[in-house]
Amino acid sequence: MTLSPRSGRPLSLAKLEHALALHGPDLADWPADLRASAELTLARDTAARALLADAERTEALLRRHLTGALTREDEAFGRRVAARLATLPLPAQDRSWAQRIESWLAAAELRPAWPGVAAFAAMALLGFIMGSHVVDAGFSYRPTVPAVAVADVSAIMFEPDPIAENGL
């Protein structure tokens, strides 16, 4: 999730929650453009102010209770929290299908490293198809060989079996 807002635009609640988790509840620690958008959101939305208050309470609890070494009770509590989190469903992702498909293709290493590779492969395939269906122009090593294809290139796409019908 990108957090860089357009200048002068408020943040959505999801982006504000993500920014709170990333930068903490102290807005002075935030980048300037993100802080301005967050302040605009906090001024307009009570749900945003509730998110900030919850983040401040959580931060205060963490600072008060995590000052020393972990005790056995702390570790037991951590295991219970981790077990509970493992059973919860994942939160809804606010990514478009195009972004998800791009991520899946990149993860499966099916996306080319740059678009030029795909364009080059398509042009090479098109050149091969066009070259294999060119009408004989008279430049032949054996003058008795007939022309390979006398149909136009559209026959490649629209004929049911263009290779057999063209005599290849």
Protein backbone atom coordinates (compact mmCIF):
# COMPACT_ATOMS: atom_id res chain seq x y z
CA MET A 1 0.00 0.00 0.00
CA THR A 2 1.46 3.32 -0.99
CA LEU A 3 1.13 6.07 1.53
CA SER A 4 2.18 9.05 -0.57
CA PRO A 5 -0.96 11.18 -0.83
CA ARG A 6 -1.64 13.92 -3.29
CA SER A 7 -1.04 17.25 -1.63
CA GLY A 8 -4.10 18.65 0.10
CA ARG A 9 -6.07 15.41 -0.02
CA PRO A 10 -7.19 13.54 3.10
CA LEU A 11 -6.09 9.96 3.70
CA SER A 12 -8.53 7.06 3.61
CA LEU A 13 -9.05 5.27 6.91
CA ALA A 14 -7.15 2.22 5.64
CA LYS A 15 -4.14 4.34 4.67
CA LEU A 16 -4.30 6.23 7.96
CA GLU A 17 -4.35 2.97 9.91
CA HIS A 18 -1.40 1.68 7.88
CA ALA A 19 0.52 4.93 8.47
CA LEU A 20 -0.20 4.75 12.21
CA ALA A 21 1.20 1.23 12.32
CA LEU A 22 4.22 2.28 10.29
CA HIS A 23 5.12 5.66 11.83
CA GLY A 24 3.43 5.52 15.25
CA PRO A 25 0.84 7.83 16.80
CA ASP A 26 3.15 10.84 17.13
CA LEU A 27 2.45 12.88 14.00
CA ALA A 28 5.66 14.87 14.48
CA ASP A 29 7.60 11.74 13.41
CA TRP A 30 5.73 11.45 10.12
CA PRO A 31 6.92 12.78 6.73
CA ALA A 32 5.59 16.30 6.11
CA ASP A 33 3.23 15.56 3.18
CA LEU A 34 1.78 12.50 4.91
CA ARG A 35 1.40 14.41 8.16
CA ALA A 36 -0.54 17.21 6.40
CA SER A 37 -2.94 14.71 4.82
CA ALA A 38 -3.35 12.87 8.13
CA GLU A 39 -4.12 16.11 9.98
CA LEU A 40 -6.73 16.94 7.34
CA THR A 41 -8.30 13.51 7.80
CA LEU A 42 -8.23 13.80 11.61
CA ALA A 43 -9.91 17.20 11.46
CA ARG A 44 -12.78 15.87 9.35
CA ASP A 45 -13.41 12.31 10.56
CA THR A 46 -14.30 11.04 14.04
CA ALA A 47 -13.38 7.47 13.06
CA ALA A 48 -9.89 8.69 12.21
CA ARG A 49 -9.60 10.38 15.61
CA ALA A 50 -10.69 7.10 17.24
CA LEU A 51 -7.94 5.27 15.32
CA LEU A 52 -5.37 7.80 16.55
CA ALA A 53 -6.60 7.52 20.16
CA ASP A 54 -6.41 3.72 19.97
CA ALA A 55 -2.87 3.90 18.58
CA GLU A 56 -1.86 6.31 21.37
CA ARG A 57 -3.29 3.96 24.04
CA THR A 58 -1.47 0.99 22.54
CA GLU A 59 1.80 2.94 22.36
CA ALA A 60 1.43 4.02 26.01
CA LEU A 61 0.77 0.43 27.11
CA LEU A 62 3.79 -0.83 25.22
CA ARG A 63 6.06 1.84 26.67
CA ARG A 64 4.84 1.22 30.22
CA HIS A 65 5.02 -2.56 30.19
CA LEU A 66 8.01 -3.29 27.97
CA THR A 67 10.72 -1.54 29.88
CA GLY A 68 12.57 -4.56 31.25
CA ALA A 69 13.36 -8.16 30.41
CA LEU A 70 10.58 -10.52 29.38
CA THR A 71 9.09 -12.65 32.15
CA ARG A 72 7.52 -16.08 31.86
CA GLU A 73 4.06 -14.47 31.96
CA ASP A 74 4.99 -12.16 29.09
CA GLU A 75 6.13 -15.10 26.96
CA ALA A 76 2.94 -17.04 27.76
CA PHE A 77 0.86 -14.01 26.84
CA GLY A 78 2.80 -13.65 23.59
CA ARG A 79 2.16 -17.31 22.70
CA ARG A 80 -1.58 -16.86 23.36
CA VAL A 81 -1.72 -13.75 21.19
CA ALA A 82 0.22 -15.47 18.38
CA ALA A 83 -2.08 -18.52 18.54
CA ARG A 84 -5.15 -16.29 18.41
CA LEU A 85 -3.78 -14.29 15.48
CA ALA A 86 -3.05 -17.50 13.59
CA THR A 87 -6.73 -18.47 13.75
CA LEU A 88 -8.10 -15.13 12.54
CA PRO A 89 -8.85 -14.56 8.84
CA LEU A 90 -6.66 -12.18 6.90
CA PRO A 91 -7.97 -8.62 6.54
CA ALA A 92 -9.43 -7.57 3.22
CA GLN A 93 -6.81 -6.35 0.77
CA ASP A 94 -7.54 -3.14 -1.10
CA ARG A 95 -5.57 -3.98 -4.23
CA SER A 96 -7.04 -4.08 -7.73
CA TRP A 97 -7.19 -7.29 -9.75
CA ALA A 98 -4.63 -5.89 -12.19
CA GLN A 99 -2.12 -5.38 -9.36
CA ARG A 100 -2.80 -8.89 -8.03
CA ILE A 101 -2.34 -10.53 -11.43
CA GLU A 102 0.88 -8.59 -11.98
CA SER A 103 2.16 -9.76 -8.58
CA TRP A 104 1.22 -13.37 -9.32
CA LEU A 105 2.98 -13.28 -12.68
CA ALA A 106 6.06 -11.75 -11.10
CA ALA A 107 6.07 -14.37 -8.32
CA ALA A 108 5.80 -17.19 -10.88
CA GLU A 109 8.52 -15.54 -12.99
CA LEU A 110 6.19 -15.40 -15.99
CA ARG A 111 6.39 -11.65 -16.45
CA PRO A 112 9.20 -10.51 -18.75
CA ALA A 113 11.93 -8.40 -17.25
CA TRP A 114 10.96 -5.55 -19.55
CA PRO A 115 8.17 -5.15 -22.11
CA GLY A 116 10.63 -5.13 -24.98
CA VAL A 117 11.20 -8.88 -24.58
CA ALA A 118 7.52 -9.57 -25.14
CA ALA A 119 7.38 -7.21 -28.12
CA PHE A 120 10.49 -8.81 -29.62
CA ALA A 121 9.05 -12.32 -29.23
CA ALA A 122 5.75 -11.27 -30.82
CA MET A 123 7.51 -9.62 -33.76
CA ALA A 124 9.77 -12.66 -34.24
CA LEU A 125 6.75 -14.97 -34.30
CA LEU A 126 4.92 -12.70 -36.71
CA GLY A 127 8.01 -12.57 -38.94
CA PHE A 128 8.27 -16.34 -38.94
CA ILE A 129 4.60 -16.76 -39.86
CA MET A 130 4.79 -14.12 -42.57
CA GLY A 131 8.04 -15.56 -43.93
CA SER A 132 6.68 -19.08 -44.10
CA HIS A 133 3.63 -17.95 -46.09
CA VAL A 134 5.25 -15.61 -48.59
CA VAL A 135 4.36 -16.05 -52.22
CA ASP A 136 7.32 -17.19 -54.30
CA ALA A 137 8.83 -14.13 -55.96
CA GLY A 138 10.93 -16.11 -58.44
CA PHE A 139 14.07 -16.32 -56.31
CA SER A 140 14.34 -20.07 -55.99
CA TYR A 141 17.31 -22.41 -55.95
CA ARG A 142 15.29 -25.02 -57.82
CA PRO A 143 13.16 -23.51 -60.54
CA THR A 144 10.76 -26.48 -60.55
CA VAL A 145 9.58 -25.88 -56.95
CA PRO A 146 6.07 -24.35 -56.93
CA ALA A 147 5.10 -21.46 -54.67
CA VAL A 148 4.53 -22.51 -51.08
CA ALA A 149 1.44 -20.44 -50.41
CA VAL A 150 -0.82 -18.65 -52.81
CA ALA A 151 -3.31 -17.47 -50.18
CA ASP A 152 -3.13 -14.20 -48.35
CA VAL A 153 -1.95 -13.96 -44.74
CA SER A 154 -5.52 -13.82 -43.38
CA ALA A 155 -5.84 -17.51 -44.28
CA ILE A 156 -3.45 -18.26 -41.42
CA MET A 157 -5.98 -17.01 -38.88
CA PHE A 158 -9.32 -17.84 -40.49
CA GLU A 159 -8.82 -21.24 -42.16
CA PRO A 160 -9.54 -24.30 -40.01
CA ASP A 161 -6.26 -26.01 -40.97
CA PRO A 162 -4.15 -23.54 -42.96
CA ILE A 163 -1.03 -25.69 -43.12
CA ALA A 164 -2.75 -28.70 -44.72
CA GLU A 165 -4.85 -26.59 -47.06
CA ASN A 166 -1.86 -24.62 -48.32
CA GLY A 167 0.01 -27.78 -49.24
CA LEU A 168 2.66 -27.66 -46.53
